[in-house]
Amino acid sequence: MNEEEVFKKVAAMLAERFDVDVTTITRETNFQTDLSADSIDMVEFELELEDDFGEEIPDEEATKIETVGAVVKYITDHQA
């Protein structure tokens, strides 16, 4: 998948999980400040990402991911 495809998939997942309009999600969207995600939300979302993209995200890396753009970059950089 290219970066745009990954972004669209991640945005759709977030829109469903956080009940927001997909068009409001940008690469700059911050999980905590813009989506009010807490640590449990983030762990659940991380597991969903791992299932959908088939790539494990180590906990030490996951804690660094704060925006949609950061998760898209991580996924595209680590695709098999």
Protein backbone atom coordinates (compact mmCIF):
# COMPACT_ATOMS: atom_id res chain seq x y z
CA MET A 1 0.00 0.00 0.00
CA ASN A 2 1.19 3.49 -0.71
CA GLU A 3 1.08 6.29 1.84
CA GLU A 4 -2.23 7.72 0.59
CA GLU A 5 -3.93 4.31 0.73
CA VAL A 6 -2.64 3.77 4.27
CA PHE A 7 -3.86 7.24 5.29
CA LYS A 8 -7.36 6.61 3.89
CA LYS A 9 -7.60 3.26 5.69
CA VAL A 10 -6.33 4.68 9.00
CA ALA A 11 -8.70 7.68 8.70
CA ALA A 12 -11.65 5.35 8.09
CA MET A 13 -10.70 3.23 11.10
CA LEU A 14 -10.43 6.32 13.32
CA ALA A 15 -13.72 7.77 12.06
CA GLU A 16 -15.50 4.56 13.00
CA ARG A 17 -13.73 4.07 16.34
CA PHE A 18 -14.13 7.68 17.55
CA ASP A 19 -17.43 8.42 15.80
CA VAL A 20 -16.14 11.42 13.84
CA ASP A 21 -16.54 12.50 10.22
CA VAL A 22 -13.71 10.98 8.17
CA THR A 23 -13.24 14.29 6.34
CA THR A 24 -12.16 15.95 9.60
CA ILE A 25 -9.17 13.62 9.97
CA THR A 26 -5.89 14.91 8.59
CA ARG A 27 -2.29 13.83 8.94
CA GLU A 28 -1.94 16.45 11.67
CA THR A 29 -4.84 15.03 13.72
CA ASN A 30 -3.54 14.32 17.22
CA PHE A 31 -5.02 11.28 18.93
CA GLN A 32 -5.20 12.82 22.40
CA THR A 33 -6.00 16.47 21.74
CA ASP A 34 -8.18 16.12 18.64
CA LEU A 35 -9.86 12.76 19.25
CA SER A 36 -9.74 12.68 23.07
CA ALA A 37 -8.14 9.23 22.97
CA ASP A 38 -6.97 7.85 26.30
CA SER A 39 -4.35 5.17 26.84
CA ILE A 40 -6.91 2.35 26.57
CA ASP A 41 -8.23 3.78 23.29
CA MET A 42 -4.68 3.87 21.97
CA VAL A 43 -3.89 0.29 22.94
CA GLU A 44 -7.11 -0.92 21.30
CA PHE A 45 -6.37 1.13 18.17
CA GLU A 46 -2.80 -0.21 18.07
CA LEU A 47 -4.13 -3.78 18.18
CA GLU A 48 -6.60 -2.96 15.39
CA LEU A 49 -3.76 -1.51 13.28
CA GLU A 50 -1.66 -4.61 13.87
CA ASP A 51 -4.54 -6.85 12.77
CA ASP A 52 -5.40 -4.80 9.68
CA PHE A 53 -1.88 -4.14 8.46
CA GLY A 54 -0.18 -7.33 9.68
CA GLU A 55 2.64 -5.40 11.31
CA GLU A 56 3.40 -5.48 15.02
CA ILE A 57 4.06 -2.10 16.59
CA PRO A 58 6.42 -2.38 19.57
CA ASP A 59 5.19 -0.59 22.69
CA GLU A 60 8.21 1.73 22.77
CA GLU A 61 7.38 2.84 19.20
CA ALA A 62 3.64 3.10 19.85
CA THR A 63 4.18 5.60 22.66
CA LYS A 64 5.95 7.94 20.19
CA ILE A 65 3.05 7.94 17.73
CA GLU A 66 0.85 10.94 18.49
CA THR A 67 -0.62 11.92 15.12
CA VAL A 68 -2.28 10.25 12.15
CA GLY A 69 0.69 11.23 10.00
CA ALA A 70 3.09 9.49 12.41
CA VAL A 71 1.13 6.24 12.31
CA VAL A 72 0.89 6.39 8.50
CA LYS A 73 4.65 6.93 8.25
CA TYR A 74 5.34 4.07 10.67
CA ILE A 75 3.13 1.67 8.73
CA THR A 76 4.51 2.61 5.30
CA ASP A 77 8.11 2.45 6.58
CA HIS A 78 7.60 -1.01 8.09
CA GLN A 79 5.51 -2.77 5.45
CA ALA A 80 6.77 -6.20 4.47
